[in-house]
Amino acid sequence: MQELEYAAKIWESIVPELLKNKILCLTDMHNVEGFCLAYENWRKAQREVALHGIVVEGAQGGPVKNPALTAMNEAARQMTMFGSLLGLDPSSRGRLTGGGQKKKGNAFAGVLDM
C-alpha cells in the first residue's frame, strides 16, 4: 500500500482554517477526505509528468500523451468540485459565509413613526 504523503499535509492545512471560519461540520468530512485524496493524486500525477514529460513511449513504441496528464486533470476537477463544496475558493467561500456583506434592512423602517 502506498503512503499518502500529500493528503495528510493538505488535511492539516485546510481543516484548521475551515474550523476557524465555522465552515466545517462533521457531515462534511467525506468532502474533506475527497479533496485531500484528489490533491494527493494531483501531486503524484504532476511528479510523473515532471519526471517523464508530457509525451511518453506507447505500447507500440511511438509517442503518446503521458497518461499521468489524464490523471492530473481528473484530480484537478475533483479538487475543484470538493473545494467548492468546502468553500476553498473565493466564490464558494462567499456563498458559504455570506461574503462579509451586511444584511440589508428596510431603509424606511421607523420613518412613519415620526
PDB file of N, CA and C in Angstrom:
ATOM      1  N   MET A   1       0.843  -1.174   0.000  1.00  0.00           N
ATOM      2  CA  MET A   1       0.000   0.000   0.000  1.00  0.00           C
ATOM      3  C   MET A   1       0.897   1.249   0.000  1.00  0.00           C
ATOM      4  N   GLN A   2       0.566   2.194  -0.853  1.00  0.00           N
ATOM      5  CA  GLN A   2       1.344   3.425  -0.937  1.00  0.00           C
ATOM      6  C   GLN A   2       0.977   4.386   0.183  1.00  0.00           C
ATOM      7  N   GLU A   3       1.984   5.100   0.646  1.00  0.00           N
ATOM      8  CA  GLU A   3       1.770   6.101   1.681  1.00  0.00           C
ATOM      9  C   GLU A   3       1.143   7.356   1.071  1.00  0.00           C
ATOM     10  N   LEU A   4       0.255   7.968   1.808  1.00  0.00           N
ATOM     11  CA  LEU A   4      -0.366   9.212   1.372  1.00  0.00           C
ATOM     12  C   LEU A   4       0.471  10.373   1.907  1.00  0.00           C
ATOM     13  N   GLU A   5       1.453  10.785   1.139  1.00  0.00           N
ATOM     14  CA  GLU A   5       2.377  11.812   1.621  1.00  0.00           C
ATOM     15  C   GLU A   5       1.810  13.221   1.547  1.00  0.00           C
ATOM     16  N   TYR A   6       0.949  13.504   0.589  1.00  0.00           N
ATOM     17  CA  TYR A   6       0.426  14.862   0.421  1.00  0.00           C
ATOM     18  C   TYR A   6      -0.943  15.053   1.058  1.00  0.00           C
ATOM     19  N   ALA A   7      -1.752  14.012   1.105  1.00  0.00           N
ATOM     20  CA  ALA A   7      -3.116  14.124   1.640  1.00  0.00           C
ATOM     21  C   ALA A   7      -3.106  14.582   3.090  1.00  0.00           C
ATOM     22  N   ALA A   8      -2.216  14.026   3.891  1.00  0.00           N
ATOM     23  CA  ALA A   8      -2.155  14.410   5.308  1.00  0.00           C
ATOM     24  C   ALA A   8      -1.724  15.862   5.458  1.00  0.00           C
ATOM     25  N   LYS A   9      -0.792  16.307   4.624  1.00  0.00           N
ATOM     26  CA  LYS A   9      -0.314  17.689   4.714  1.00  0.00           C
ATOM     27  C   LYS A   9      -1.419  18.689   4.373  1.00  0.00           C
ATOM     28  N   ILE A  10      -2.174  18.400   3.320  1.00  0.00           N
ATOM     29  CA  ILE A  10      -3.232  19.340   2.932  1.00  0.00           C
ATOM     30  C   ILE A  10      -4.366  19.281   3.963  1.00  0.00           C
ATOM     31  N   TRP A  11      -4.640  18.096   4.509  1.00  0.00           N
ATOM     32  CA  TRP A  11      -5.644  17.962   5.569  1.00  0.00           C
ATOM     33  C   TRP A  11      -5.268  18.871   6.738  1.00  0.00           C
ATOM     34  N   GLU A  12      -4.009  18.782   7.167  1.00  0.00           N
ATOM     35  CA  GLU A  12      -3.541  19.572   8.305  1.00  0.00           C
ATOM     36  C   GLU A  12      -3.552  21.075   8.028  1.00  0.00           C
ATOM     37  N   SER A  13      -3.519  21.455   6.768  1.00  0.00           N
ATOM     38  CA  SER A  13      -3.535  22.890   6.468  1.00  0.00           C
ATOM     39  C   SER A  13      -4.944  23.440   6.274  1.00  0.00           C
ATOM     40  N   ILE A  14      -5.873  22.640   5.739  1.00  0.00           N
ATOM     41  CA  ILE A  14      -7.204  23.197   5.467  1.00  0.00           C
ATOM     42  C   ILE A  14      -8.199  22.994   6.599  1.00  0.00           C
ATOM     43  N   VAL A  15      -8.117  21.890   7.315  1.00  0.00           N
ATOM     44  CA  VAL A  15      -9.111  21.620   8.361  1.00  0.00           C
ATOM     45  C   VAL A  15      -9.098  22.702   9.447  1.00  0.00           C
ATOM     46  N   PRO A  16      -7.933  23.114   9.958  1.00  0.00           N
ATOM     47  CA  PRO A  16      -7.974  24.192  10.959  1.00  0.00           C
ATOM     48  C   PRO A  16      -8.603  25.487  10.430  1.00  0.00           C
ATOM     49  N   GLU A  17      -8.348  25.821   9.180  1.00  0.00           N
ATOM     50  CA  GLU A  17      -8.941  27.030   8.595  1.00  0.00           C
ATOM     51  C   GLU A  17     -10.455  26.899   8.465  1.00  0.00           C
ATOM     52  N   LEU A  18     -10.903  25.730   8.014  1.00  0.00           N
ATOM     53  CA  LEU A  18     -12.344  25.509   7.872  1.00  0.00           C
ATOM     54  C   LEU A  18     -13.037  25.545   9.233  1.00  0.00           C
ATOM     55  N   LEU A  19     -12.389  24.999  10.253  1.00  0.00           N
ATOM     56  CA  LEU A  19     -12.957  25.037  11.604  1.00  0.00           C
ATOM     57  C   LEU A  19     -12.959  26.458  12.150  1.00  0.00           C
ATOM     58  N   LYS A  20     -11.870  27.177  11.945  1.00  0.00           N
ATOM     59  CA  LYS A  20     -11.766  28.551  12.438  1.00  0.00           C
ATOM     60  C   LYS A  20     -12.855  29.439  11.833  1.00  0.00           C
ATOM     61  N   ASN A  21     -13.160  29.206  10.551  1.00  0.00           N
ATOM     62  CA  ASN A  21     -14.173  30.005   9.863  1.00  0.00           C
ATOM     63  C   ASN A  21     -15.580  29.432  10.014  1.00  0.00           C
ATOM     64  N   LYS A  22     -15.718  28.419  10.860  1.00  0.00           N
ATOM     65  CA  LYS A  22     -17.008  27.790  11.155  1.00  0.00           C
ATOM     66  C   LYS A  22     -17.724  27.313   9.892  1.00  0.00           C
ATOM     67  N   ILE A  23     -16.941  26.745   8.982  1.00  0.00           N
ATOM     68  CA  ILE A  23     -17.495  26.217   7.738  1.00  0.00           C
ATOM     69  C   ILE A  23     -17.671  24.706   7.821  1.00  0.00           C
ATOM     70  N   LEU A  24     -16.794  24.046   8.543  1.00  0.00           N
ATOM     71  CA  LEU A  24     -16.739  22.593   8.559  1.00  0.00           C
ATOM     72  C   LEU A  24     -17.657  21.996   9.608  1.00  0.00           C
ATOM     73  N   CYS A  25     -18.432  20.998   9.181  1.00  0.00           N
ATOM     74  CA  CYS A  25     -19.276  20.210  10.077  1.00  0.00           C
ATOM     75  C   CYS A  25     -18.854  18.754   9.951  1.00  0.00           C
ATOM     76  N   LEU A  26     -19.222  17.953  10.895  1.00  0.00           N
ATOM     77  CA  LEU A  26     -18.903  16.526  10.859  1.00  0.00           C
ATOM     78  C   LEU A  26     -19.425  15.886   9.568  1.00  0.00           C
ATOM     79  N   THR A  27     -20.560  16.338   9.110  1.00  0.00           N
ATOM     80  CA  THR A  27     -21.160  15.765   7.908  1.00  0.00           C
ATOM     81  C   THR A  27     -20.405  16.144   6.633  1.00  0.00           C
ATOM     82  N   ASP A  28     -19.417  17.028   6.734  1.00  0.00           N
ATOM     83  CA  ASP A  28     -18.617  17.437   5.582  1.00  0.00           C
ATOM     84  C   ASP A  28     -17.324  16.647   5.447  1.00  0.00           C
ATOM     85  N   MET A  29     -17.039  15.770   6.382  1.00  0.00           N
ATOM     86  CA  MET A  29     -15.728  15.122   6.414  1.00  0.00           C
ATOM     87  C   MET A  29     -15.443  14.292   5.157  1.00  0.00           C
ATOM     88  N   HIS A  30     -16.470  13.711   4.556  1.00  0.00           N
ATOM     89  CA  HIS A  30     -16.225  12.951   3.325  1.00  0.00           C
ATOM     90  C   HIS A  30     -15.769  13.881   2.191  1.00  0.00           C
ATOM     91  N   ASN A  31     -16.244  15.130   2.207  1.00  0.00           N
ATOM     92  CA  ASN A  31     -15.792  16.099   1.198  1.00  0.00           C
ATOM     93  C   ASN A  31     -14.341  16.503   1.446  1.00  0.00           C
ATOM     94  N   VAL A  32     -13.966  16.653   2.717  1.00  0.00           N
ATOM     95  CA  VAL A  32     -12.575  16.968   3.047  1.00  0.00           C
ATOM     96  C   VAL A  32     -11.679  15.817   2.607  1.00  0.00           C
ATOM     97  N   GLU A  33     -12.095  14.605   2.913  1.00  0.00           N
ATOM     98  CA  GLU A  33     -11.309  13.435   2.531  1.00  0.00           C
ATOM     99  C   GLU A  33     -11.185  13.335   1.017  1.00  0.00           C
ATOM    100  N   GLY A  34     -12.284  13.564   0.303  1.00  0.00           N
ATOM    101  CA  GLY A  34     -12.252  13.535  -1.163  1.00  0.00           C
ATOM    102  C   GLY A  34     -11.309  14.583  -1.720  1.00  0.00           C
ATOM    103  N   PHE A  35     -11.349  15.787  -1.144  1.00  0.00           N
ATOM    104  CA  PHE A  35     -10.449  16.850  -1.590  1.00  0.00           C
ATOM    105  C   PHE A  35      -8.993  16.447  -1.352  1.00  0.00           C
ATOM    106  N   CYS A  36      -8.709  15.933  -0.170  1.00  0.00           N
ATOM    107  CA  CYS A  36      -7.333  15.579   0.178  1.00  0.00           C
ATOM    108  C   CYS A  36      -6.805  14.437  -0.690  1.00  0.00           C
ATOM    109  N   LEU A  37      -7.631  13.446  -0.962  1.00  0.00           N
ATOM    110  CA  LEU A  37      -7.201  12.345  -1.829  1.00  0.00           C
ATOM    111  C   LEU A  37      -6.999  12.817  -3.270  1.00  0.00           C
ATOM    112  N   ALA A  38      -7.859  13.700  -3.730  1.00  0.00           N
ATOM    113  CA  ALA A  38      -7.690  14.258  -5.076  1.00  0.00           C
ATOM    114  C   ALA A  38      -6.397  15.064  -5.145  1.00  0.00           C
ATOM    115  N   TYR A  39      -6.099  15.806  -4.076  1.00  0.00           N
ATOM    116  CA  TYR A  39      -4.850  16.576  -4.021  1.00  0.00           C
ATOM    117  C   TYR A  39      -3.644  15.638  -4.069  1.00  0.00           C
ATOM    118  N   GLU A  40      -3.726  14.551  -3.338  1.00  0.00           N
ATOM    119  CA  GLU A  40      -2.658  13.531  -3.354  1.00  0.00           C
ATOM    120  C   GLU A  40      -2.431  13.030  -4.778  1.00  0.00           C
ATOM    121  N   ASN A  41      -3.499  12.666  -5.467  1.00  0.00           N
ATOM    122  CA  ASN A  41      -3.390  12.154  -6.840  1.00  0.00           C
ATOM    123  C   ASN A  41      -2.855  13.214  -7.790  1.00  0.00           C
ATOM    124  N   TRP A  42      -3.298  14.442  -7.615  1.00  0.00           N
ATOM    125  CA  TRP A  42      -2.848  15.543  -8.458  1.00  0.00           C
ATOM    126  C   TRP A  42      -1.348  15.761  -8.325  1.00  0.00           C
ATOM    127  N   ARG A  43      -0.872  15.789  -7.078  1.00  0.00           N
ATOM    128  CA  ARG A  43       0.564  15.992  -6.840  1.00  0.00           C
ATOM    129  C   ARG A  43       1.394  14.841  -7.400  1.00  0.00           C
ATOM    130  N   LYS A  44       0.933  13.602  -7.216  1.00  0.00           N
ATOM    131  CA  LYS A  44       1.681  12.445  -7.734  1.00  0.00           C
ATOM    132  C   LYS A  44       1.680  12.430  -9.254  1.00  0.00           C
ATOM    133  N   ALA A  45       0.559  12.785  -9.858  1.00  0.00           N
ATOM    134  CA  ALA A  45       0.500  12.839 -11.322  1.00  0.00           C
ATOM    135  C   ALA A  45       1.406  13.951 -11.850  1.00  0.00           C
ATOM    136  N   GLN A  46       1.447  15.075 -11.168  1.00  0.00           N
ATOM    137  CA  GLN A  46       2.351  16.162 -11.562  1.00  0.00           C
ATOM    138  C   GLN A  46       3.800  15.696 -11.514  1.00  0.00           C
ATOM    139  N   ARG A  47       4.138  14.946 -10.492  1.00  0.00           N
ATOM    140  CA  ARG A  47       5.504  14.427 -10.372  1.00  0.00           C
ATOM    141  C   ARG A  47       5.840  13.500 -11.538  1.00  0.00           C
ATOM    142  N   GLU A  48       4.891  12.650 -11.913  1.00  0.00           N
ATOM    143  CA  GLU A  48       5.115  11.742 -13.048  1.00  0.00           C
ATOM    144  C   GLU A  48       5.341  12.514 -14.347  1.00  0.00           C
ATOM    145  N   VAL A  49       4.556  13.561 -14.554  1.00  0.00           N
ATOM    146  CA  VAL A  49       4.718  14.374 -15.760  1.00  0.00           C
ATOM    147  C   VAL A  49       6.074  15.090 -15.724  1.00  0.00           C
ATOM    148  N   ALA A  50       6.453  15.592 -14.556  1.00  0.00           N
ATOM    149  CA  ALA A  50       7.745  16.275 -14.429  1.00  0.00           C
ATOM    150  C   ALA A  50       8.902  15.318 -14.709  1.00  0.00           C
ATOM    151  N   LEU A  51       8.770  14.075 -14.266  1.00  0.00           N
ATOM    152  CA  LEU A  51       9.839  13.085 -14.461  1.00  0.00           C
ATOM    153  C   LEU A  51       9.916  12.562 -15.896  1.00  0.00           C
ATOM    154  N   HIS A  52       8.753  12.326 -16.508  1.00  0.00           N
ATOM    155  CA  HIS A  52       8.730  11.624 -17.794  1.00  0.00           C
ATOM    156  C   HIS A  52       8.289  12.491 -18.966  1.00  0.00           C
ATOM    157  N   GLY A  53       7.806  13.694 -18.692  1.00  0.00           N
ATOM    158  CA  GLY A  53       7.371  14.577 -19.766  1.00  0.00           C
ATOM    159  C   GLY A  53       5.924  14.360 -20.150  1.00  0.00           C
ATOM    160  N   ILE A  54       5.431  15.228 -21.032  1.00  0.00           N
ATOM    161  CA  ILE A  54       4.024  15.126 -21.433  1.00  0.00           C
ATOM    162  C   ILE A  54       3.812  14.073 -22.511  1.00  0.00           C
ATOM    163  N   VAL A  55       4.908  13.656 -23.151  1.00  0.00           N
ATOM    164  CA  VAL A  55       4.837  12.597 -24.160  1.00  0.00           C
ATOM    165  C   VAL A  55       5.748  11.460 -23.712  1.00  0.00           C
ATOM    166  N   VAL A  56       5.215  10.247 -23.740  1.00  0.00           N
ATOM    167  CA  VAL A  56       5.975   9.057 -23.351  1.00  0.00           C
ATOM    168  C   VAL A  56       5.893   8.025 -24.478  1.00  0.00           C
ATOM    169  N   GLU A  57       6.658   6.982 -24.347  1.00  0.00           N
ATOM    170  CA  GLU A  57       6.631   5.920 -25.344  1.00  0.00           C
ATOM    171  C   GLU A  57       5.428   5.021 -25.097  1.00  0.00           C
ATOM    172  N   GLY A  58       4.632   4.813 -26.134  1.00  0.00           N
ATOM    173  CA  GLY A  58       3.457   3.976 -26.028  1.00  0.00           C
ATOM    174  C   GLY A  58       3.774   2.506 -26.194  1.00  0.00           C
ATOM    175  N   ALA A  59       2.759   1.659 -26.106  1.00  0.00           N
ATOM    176  CA  ALA A  59       2.912   0.206 -26.214  1.00  0.00           C
ATOM    177  C   ALA A  59       3.481  -0.211 -27.563  1.00  0.00           C
ATOM    178  N   GLN A  60       3.186   0.556 -28.602  1.00  0.00           N
ATOM    179  CA  GLN A  60       3.675   0.234 -29.945  1.00  0.00           C
ATOM    180  C   GLN A  60       5.033   0.872 -30.223  1.00  0.00           C
ATOM    181  N   GLY A  61       5.569   1.590 -29.232  1.00  0.00           N
ATOM    182  CA  GLY A  61       6.875   2.205 -29.396  1.00  0.00           C
ATOM    183  C   GLY A  61       6.839   3.656 -29.844  1.00  0.00           C
ATOM    184  N   GLY A  62       5.684   4.135 -30.251  1.00  0.00           N
ATOM    185  CA  GLY A  62       5.564   5.517 -30.703  1.00  0.00           C
ATOM    186  C   GLY A  62       5.220   6.455 -29.558  1.00  0.00           C
ATOM    187  N   PRO A  63       5.300   7.747 -29.806  1.00  0.00           N
ATOM    188  CA  PRO A  63       4.988   8.715 -28.759  1.00  0.00           C
ATOM    189  C   PRO A  63       3.477   8.812 -28.501  1.00  0.00           C
ATOM    190  N   VAL A  64       3.125   8.878 -27.219  1.00  0.00           N
ATOM    191  CA  VAL A  64       1.732   9.043 -26.812  1.00  0.00           C
ATOM    192  C   VAL A  64       1.676  10.040 -25.658  1.00  0.00           C
ATOM    193  N   LYS A  65       0.520  10.606 -25.459  1.00  0.00           N
ATOM    194  CA  LYS A  65       0.304  11.514 -24.324  1.00  0.00           C
ATOM    195  C   LYS A  65       0.525  10.732 -23.036  1.00  0.00           C
ATOM    196  N   ASN A  66       1.251  11.331 -22.123  1.00  0.00           N
ATOM    197  CA  ASN A  66       1.508  10.706 -20.829  1.00  0.00           C
ATOM    198  C   ASN A  66       0.172  10.501 -20.107  1.00  0.00           C
ATOM    199  N   PRO A  67      -0.161   9.262 -19.722  1.00  0.00           N
ATOM    200  CA  PRO A  67      -1.420   9.004 -19.007  1.00  0.00           C
ATOM    201  C   PRO A  67      -1.536   9.778 -17.694  1.00  0.00           C
ATOM    202  N   ALA A  68      -0.414  10.183 -17.139  1.00  0.00           N
ATOM    203  CA  ALA A  68      -0.456  10.956 -15.898  1.00  0.00           C
ATOM    204  C   ALA A  68      -1.144  12.297 -16.110  1.00  0.00           C
ATOM    205  N   LEU A  69      -1.128  12.819 -17.355  1.00  0.00           N
ATOM    206  CA  LEU A  69      -1.839  14.074 -17.638  1.00  0.00           C
ATOM    207  C   LEU A  69      -3.342  13.903 -17.440  1.00  0.00           C
ATOM    208  N   THR A  70      -3.868  12.766 -17.858  1.00  0.00           N
ATOM    209  CA  THR A  70      -5.292  12.486 -17.679  1.00  0.00           C
ATOM    210  C   THR A  70      -5.614  12.365 -16.193  1.00  0.00           C
ATOM    211  N   ALA A  71      -4.760  11.665 -15.449  1.00  0.00           N
ATOM    212  CA  ALA A  71      -4.964  11.529 -14.006  1.00  0.00           C
ATOM    213  C   ALA A  71      -4.884  12.894 -13.331  1.00  0.00           C
ATOM    214  N   MET A  72      -3.958  13.722 -13.777  1.00  0.00           N
ATOM    215  CA  MET A  72      -3.788  15.051 -13.203  1.00  0.00           C
ATOM    216  C   MET A  72      -5.032  15.907 -13.451  1.00  0.00           C
ATOM    217  N   ASN A  73      -5.554  15.869 -14.666  1.00  0.00           N
ATOM    218  CA  ASN A  73      -6.747  16.656 -14.999  1.00  0.00           C
ATOM    219  C   ASN A  73      -7.967  16.176 -14.220  1.00  0.00           C
ATOM    220  N   GLU A  74      -8.120  14.876 -14.080  1.00  0.00           N
ATOM    221  CA  GLU A  74      -9.258  14.338 -13.332  1.00  0.00           C
ATOM    222  C   GLU A  74      -9.162  14.733 -11.859  1.00  0.00           C
ATOM    223  N   ALA A  75      -7.973  14.645 -11.299  1.00  0.00           N
ATOM    224  CA  ALA A  75      -7.783  15.043  -9.902  1.00  0.00           C
ATOM    225  C   ALA A  75      -8.066  16.532  -9.725  1.00  0.00           C
ATOM    226  N   ALA A  76      -7.658  17.344 -10.694  1.00  0.00           N
ATOM    227  CA  ALA A  76      -7.917  18.787 -10.615  1.00  0.00           C
ATOM    228  C   ALA A  76      -9.420  19.061 -10.640  1.00  0.00           C
ATOM    229  N   ARG A  77     -10.158  18.342 -11.459  1.00  0.00           N
ATOM    230  CA  ARG A  77     -11.621  18.502 -11.495  1.00  0.00           C
ATOM    231  C   ARG A  77     -12.235  18.113 -10.147  1.00  0.00           C
ATOM    232  N   GLN A  78     -11.750  17.015  -9.572  1.00  0.00           N
ATOM    233  CA  GLN A  78     -12.259  16.583  -8.274  1.00  0.00           C
ATOM    234  C   GLN A  78     -11.933  17.608  -7.189  1.00  0.00           C
ATOM    235  N   MET A  79     -10.719  18.153  -7.219  1.00  0.00           N
ATOM    236  CA  MET A  79     -10.341  19.172  -6.242  1.00  0.00           C
ATOM    237  C   MET A  79     -11.245  20.392  -6.370  1.00  0.00           C
ATOM    238  N   THR A  80     -11.541  20.776  -7.595  1.00  0.00           N
ATOM    239  CA  THR A  80     -12.412  21.926  -7.818  1.00  0.00           C
ATOM    240  C   THR A  80     -13.801  21.663  -7.259  1.00  0.00           C
ATOM    241  N   MET A  81     -14.331  20.467  -7.514  1.00  0.00           N
ATOM    242  CA  MET A  81     -15.669  20.132  -7.036  1.00  0.00           C
ATOM    243  C   MET A  81     -15.717  20.089  -5.509  1.00  0.00           C
ATOM    244  N   PHE A  82     -14.808  19.323  -4.900  1.00  0.00           N
ATOM    245  CA  PHE A  82     -14.805  19.218  -3.441  1.00  0.00           C
ATOM    246  C   PHE A  82     -14.444  20.555  -2.796  1.00  0.00           C
ATOM    247  N   GLY A  83     -13.503  21.268  -3.386  1.00  0.00           N
ATOM    248  CA  GLY A  83     -13.109  22.564  -2.857  1.00  0.00           C
ATOM    249  C   GLY A  83     -14.258  23.554  -2.854  1.00  0.00           C
ATOM    250  N   SER A  84     -15.063  23.507  -3.901  1.00  0.00           N
ATOM    251  CA  SER A  84     -16.223  24.389  -3.979  1.00  0.00           C
ATOM    252  C   SER A  84     -17.227  24.056  -2.875  1.00  0.00           C
ATOM    253  N   LEU A  85     -17.423  22.778  -2.623  1.00  0.00           N
ATOM    254  CA  LEU A  85     -18.351  22.371  -1.568  1.00  0.00           C
ATOM    255  C   LEU A  85     -17.869  22.818  -0.191  1.00  0.00           C
ATOM    256  N   LEU A  86     -16.552  22.956  -0.050  1.00  0.00           N
ATOM    257  CA  LEU A  86     -15.964  23.318   1.240  1.00  0.00           C
ATOM    258  C   LEU A  86     -15.639  24.806   1.362  1.00  0.00           C
ATOM    259  N   GLY A  87     -15.876  25.566   0.311  1.00  0.00           N
ATOM    260  CA  GLY A  87     -15.573  26.995   0.360  1.00  0.00           C
ATOM    261  C   GLY A  87     -14.097  27.301   0.218  1.00  0.00           C
ATOM    262  N   LEU A  88     -13.383  26.501  -0.568  1.00  0.00           N
ATOM    263  CA  LEU A  88     -11.943  26.681  -0.712  1.00  0.00           C
ATOM    264  C   LEU A  88     -11.555  27.613  -1.852  1.00  0.00           C
ATOM    265  N   ASP A  89     -12.518  28.245  -2.478  1.00  0.00           N
ATOM    266  CA  ASP A  89     -12.231  29.268  -3.482  1.00  0.00           C
ATOM    267  C   ASP A  89     -13.051  30.514  -3.115  1.00  0.00           C
ATOM    268  N   PRO A  90     -12.631  31.679  -3.590  1.00  0.00           N
ATOM    269  CA  PRO A  90     -13.305  32.921  -3.165  1.00  0.00           C
ATOM    270  C   PRO A  90     -14.811  32.942  -3.418  1.00  0.00           C
ATOM    271  N   SER A  91     -15.240  32.447  -4.553  1.00  0.00           N
ATOM    272  CA  SER A  91     -16.662  32.489  -4.891  1.00  0.00           C
ATOM    273  C   SER A  91     -17.495  31.619  -3.949  1.00  0.00           C
ATOM    274  N   SER A  92     -17.078  30.375  -3.780  1.00  0.00           N
ATOM    275  CA  SER A  92     -17.860  29.486  -2.913  1.00  0.00           C
ATOM    276  C   SER A  92     -17.703  29.859  -1.443  1.00  0.00           C
ATOM    277  N   ARG A  93     -16.559  30.415  -1.061  1.00  0.00           N
ATOM    278  CA  ARG A  93     -16.365  30.874   0.320  1.00  0.00           C
ATOM    279  C   ARG A  93     -17.370  31.980   0.635  1.00  0.00           C
ATOM    280  N   GLY A  94     -17.538  32.910  -0.306  1.00  0.00           N
ATOM    281  CA  GLY A  94     -18.513  33.977  -0.123  1.00  0.00           C
ATOM    282  C   GLY A  94     -19.924  33.439  -0.013  1.00  0.00           C
ATOM    283  N   ARG A  95     -20.211  32.419  -0.788  1.00  0.00           N
ATOM    284  CA  ARG A  95     -21.533  31.794  -0.758  1.00  0.00           C
ATOM    285  C   ARG A  95     -21.785  31.143   0.600  1.00  0.00           C
ATOM    286  N   LEU A  96     -20.765  30.487   1.158  1.00  0.00           N
ATOM    287  CA  LEU A  96     -20.935  29.779   2.420  1.00  0.00           C
ATOM    288  C   LEU A  96     -20.918  30.700   3.635  1.00  0.00           C
ATOM    289  N   THR A  97     -20.152  31.770   3.559  1.00  0.00           N
ATOM    290  CA  THR A  97     -20.005  32.645   4.720  1.00  0.00           C
ATOM    291  C   THR A  97     -20.827  33.914   4.616  1.00  0.00           C
ATOM    292  N   GLY A  98     -21.474  34.122   3.496  1.00  0.00           N
ATOM    293  CA  GLY A  98     -22.233  35.350   3.305  1.00  0.00           C
ATOM    294  C   GLY A  98     -21.387  36.469   2.743  1.00  0.00           C
ATOM    295  N   GLY A  99     -20.117  36.185   2.474  1.00  0.00           N
ATOM    296  CA  GLY A  99     -19.236  37.143   1.833  1.00  0.00           C
ATOM    297  C   GLY A  99     -18.936  38.381   2.648  1.00  0.00           C
ATOM    298  N   GLY A 100     -19.225  38.341   3.930  1.00  0.00           N
ATOM    299  CA  GLY A 100     -18.947  39.501   4.767  1.00  0.00           C
ATOM    300  C   GLY A 100     -19.853  40.684   4.484  1.00  0.00           C
ATOM    301  N   GLN A 101     -20.914  40.444   3.732  1.00  0.00           N
ATOM    302  CA  GLN A 101     -21.833  41.534   3.404  1.00  0.00           C
ATOM    303  C   GLN A 101     -22.786  41.766   4.571  1.00  0.00           C
ATOM    304  N   LYS A 102     -23.093  43.025   4.783  1.00  0.00           N
ATOM    305  CA  LYS A 102     -24.064  43.371   5.818  1.00  0.00           C
ATOM    306  C   LYS A 102     -25.449  42.999   5.337  1.00  0.00           C
ATOM    307  N   LYS A 103     -26.270  42.597   6.280  1.00  0.00           N
ATOM    308  CA  LYS A 103     -27.652  42.277   5.930  1.00  0.00           C
ATOM    309  C   LYS A 103     -28.362  43.561   5.537  1.00  0.00           C
ATOM    310  N   LYS A 104     -29.119  43.451   4.469  1.00  0.00           N
ATOM    311  CA  LYS A 104     -29.880  44.607   4.011  1.00  0.00           C
ATOM    312  C   LYS A 104     -31.160  44.704   4.830  1.00  0.00           C
ATOM    313  N   GLY A 105     -31.348  45.837   5.411  1.00  0.00           N
ATOM    314  CA  GLY A 105     -32.566  46.061   6.180  1.00  0.00           C
ATOM    315  C   GLY A 105     -33.492  46.986   5.402  1.00  0.00           C
ATOM    316  N   ASN A 106     -34.558  47.319   6.018  1.00  0.00           N
ATOM    317  CA  ASN A 106     -35.518  48.228   5.407  1.00  0.00           C
ATOM    318  C   ASN A 106     -35.069  49.647   5.709  1.00  0.00           C
ATOM    319  N   ALA A 107     -34.610  50.364   4.686  1.00  0.00           N
ATOM    320  CA  ALA A 107     -34.122  51.725   4.851  1.00  0.00           C
ATOM    321  C   ALA A 107     -35.211  52.665   5.334  1.00  0.00           C
ATOM    322  N   PHE A 108     -36.453  52.285   5.161  1.00  0.00           N
ATOM    323  CA  PHE A 108     -37.550  53.161   5.531  1.00  0.00           C
ATOM    324  C   PHE A 108     -38.188  52.757   6.875  1.00  0.00           C
ATOM    325  N   ALA A 109     -37.634  51.764   7.530  1.00  0.00           N
ATOM    326  CA  ALA A 109     -38.184  51.339   8.809  1.00  0.00           C
ATOM    327  C   ALA A 109     -38.086  52.480   9.806  1.00  0.00           C
ATOM    328  N   GLY A 110     -39.145  52.753  10.495  1.00  0.00           N
ATOM    329  CA  GLY A 110     -39.158  53.798  11.505  1.00  0.00           C
ATOM    330  C   GLY A 110     -39.462  55.190  10.961  1.00  0.00           C
ATOM    331  N   VAL A 111     -39.476  55.384   9.655  1.00  0.00           N
ATOM    332  CA  VAL A 111     -39.744  56.691   9.076  1.00  0.00           C
ATOM    333  C   VAL A 111     -41.163  57.142   9.383  1.00  0.00           C
ATOM    334  N   LEU A 112     -42.104  56.244   9.347  1.00  0.00           N
ATOM    335  CA  LEU A 112     -43.505  56.593   9.586  1.00  0.00           C
ATOM    336  C   LEU A 112     -43.807  56.773  11.069  1.00  0.00           C
ATOM    337  N   ASP A 113     -42.845  56.433  11.926  1.00  0.00           N
ATOM    338  CA  ASP A 113     -43.071  56.559  13.359  1.00  0.00           C
ATOM    339  C   ASP A 113     -42.927  57.997  13.851  1.00  0.00           C
ATOM    340  N   MET A 114     -42.601  58.923  13.007  1.00  0.00           N
ATOM    341  CA  MET A 114     -42.373  60.316  13.414  1.00  0.00           C
ATOM    342  C   MET A 114     -43.600  60.981  13.896  1.00  0.00           C
TER     343      MET A 114
END
